[in-house]
């Protein structure tokens, strides 16, 4: 696919020198660089939610098997909820 990009003159000059020195084309050099950047971006660790507990030990034994509706109702009990 053809596309047009704008890059600084000094960068283009350096890239052409490297391509000539390595016996490759500017196109191949640009593709190599883009592949490297894309691979690095893909390899980044996925988002991980930080641990934000309140030093608790989980649910009290009486609620260990309770569903969310039950837990929510109990948490708002007597609070007008």
Protein backbone atom coordinates (compact mmCIF):
# COMPACT_ATOMS: atom_id res chain seq x y z
CA UNK A 1 0.00 0.00 0.00
CA UNK A 2 1.29 3.44 -0.78
CA UNK A 3 1.18 6.24 1.74
CA UNK A 4 2.84 9.57 2.33
CA UNK A 5 4.57 10.54 5.55
CA UNK A 6 6.31 13.71 6.60
CA UNK A 7 9.54 13.34 8.56
CA UNK A 8 12.26 15.80 9.40
CA UNK A 9 15.06 16.34 6.89
CA UNK A 10 17.83 15.29 9.29
CA UNK A 11 16.02 12.04 10.10
CA UNK A 12 15.49 11.28 6.42
CA UNK A 13 19.15 11.98 5.70
CA UNK A 14 20.27 9.65 8.48
CA UNK A 15 17.82 6.96 7.37
CA UNK A 16 19.06 7.12 3.77
CA UNK A 17 22.68 6.84 4.94
CA UNK A 18 21.85 3.78 7.04
CA UNK A 19 19.89 2.17 4.20
CA UNK A 20 22.81 2.72 1.81
CA UNK A 21 25.36 1.43 4.31
CA UNK A 22 23.29 -1.69 4.97
CA UNK A 23 22.49 -2.28 1.31
CA UNK A 24 18.76 -1.98 1.77
CA UNK A 25 16.03 0.41 0.75
CA UNK A 26 14.54 3.28 2.68
CA UNK A 27 11.19 1.49 2.44
CA UNK A 28 12.62 -1.66 4.03
CA UNK A 29 14.23 0.39 6.79
CA UNK A 30 10.98 2.21 7.56
CA UNK A 31 9.04 -1.08 7.58
CA UNK A 32 11.61 -2.63 9.91
CA UNK A 33 11.28 0.29 12.31
CA UNK A 34 7.50 0.22 12.24
CA UNK A 35 7.45 -3.54 12.86
CA UNK A 36 9.72 -3.08 15.85
CA UNK A 37 7.57 -0.33 17.36
CA UNK A 38 4.33 -2.24 16.73
CA UNK A 39 5.79 -5.38 18.34
CA UNK A 40 6.91 -3.38 21.40
CA UNK A 41 3.49 -1.78 21.78
CA UNK A 42 1.75 -5.15 21.50
CA UNK A 43 4.09 -6.69 24.07
CA UNK A 44 3.29 -4.13 26.76
CA UNK A 45 1.72 -5.57 29.85
CA UNK A 46 -2.06 -5.34 29.89
CA UNK A 47 -3.74 -3.13 32.44
CA UNK A 48 -3.86 -4.70 35.88
CA UNK A 49 -6.04 -3.29 38.61
CA UNK A 50 -3.98 -2.56 41.69
CA UNK A 51 -4.80 -4.27 44.95
CA UNK A 52 -7.00 -1.94 46.96
CA UNK A 53 -8.20 -4.04 49.85
CA UNK A 54 -8.88 -2.67 53.30
CA UNK A 55 -6.91 -5.23 55.29
CA UNK A 56 -10.01 -7.37 55.58
CA UNK A 57 -10.21 -11.13 55.47
CA UNK A 58 -13.09 -11.43 53.03
CA UNK A 59 -16.69 -12.05 53.84
CA UNK A 60 -17.83 -13.17 57.23
CA UNK A 61 -18.58 -16.90 57.26
CA UNK A 62 -22.35 -16.29 57.35
CA UNK A 63 -22.17 -14.52 53.96
CA UNK A 64 -19.58 -16.70 52.24
CA UNK A 65 -22.25 -18.31 50.03
CA UNK A 66 -24.51 -15.25 49.70
CA UNK A 67 -25.22 -13.64 46.34
CA UNK A 68 -24.56 -9.98 45.59
CA UNK A 69 -28.20 -8.92 46.06
CA UNK A 70 -28.21 -10.30 49.60
CA UNK A 71 -24.90 -8.65 50.49
CA UNK A 72 -26.04 -5.31 49.04
CA UNK A 73 -29.36 -5.44 50.89
CA UNK A 74 -27.60 -6.14 54.18
CA UNK A 75 -25.10 -3.33 53.63
CA UNK A 76 -27.93 -0.80 53.21
CA UNK A 77 -30.13 -2.25 55.94
CA UNK A 78 -31.30 0.49 58.33
CA UNK A 79 -29.88 3.26 56.12
CA UNK A 80 -32.99 4.03 54.13
CA UNK A 81 -31.79 2.12 51.05
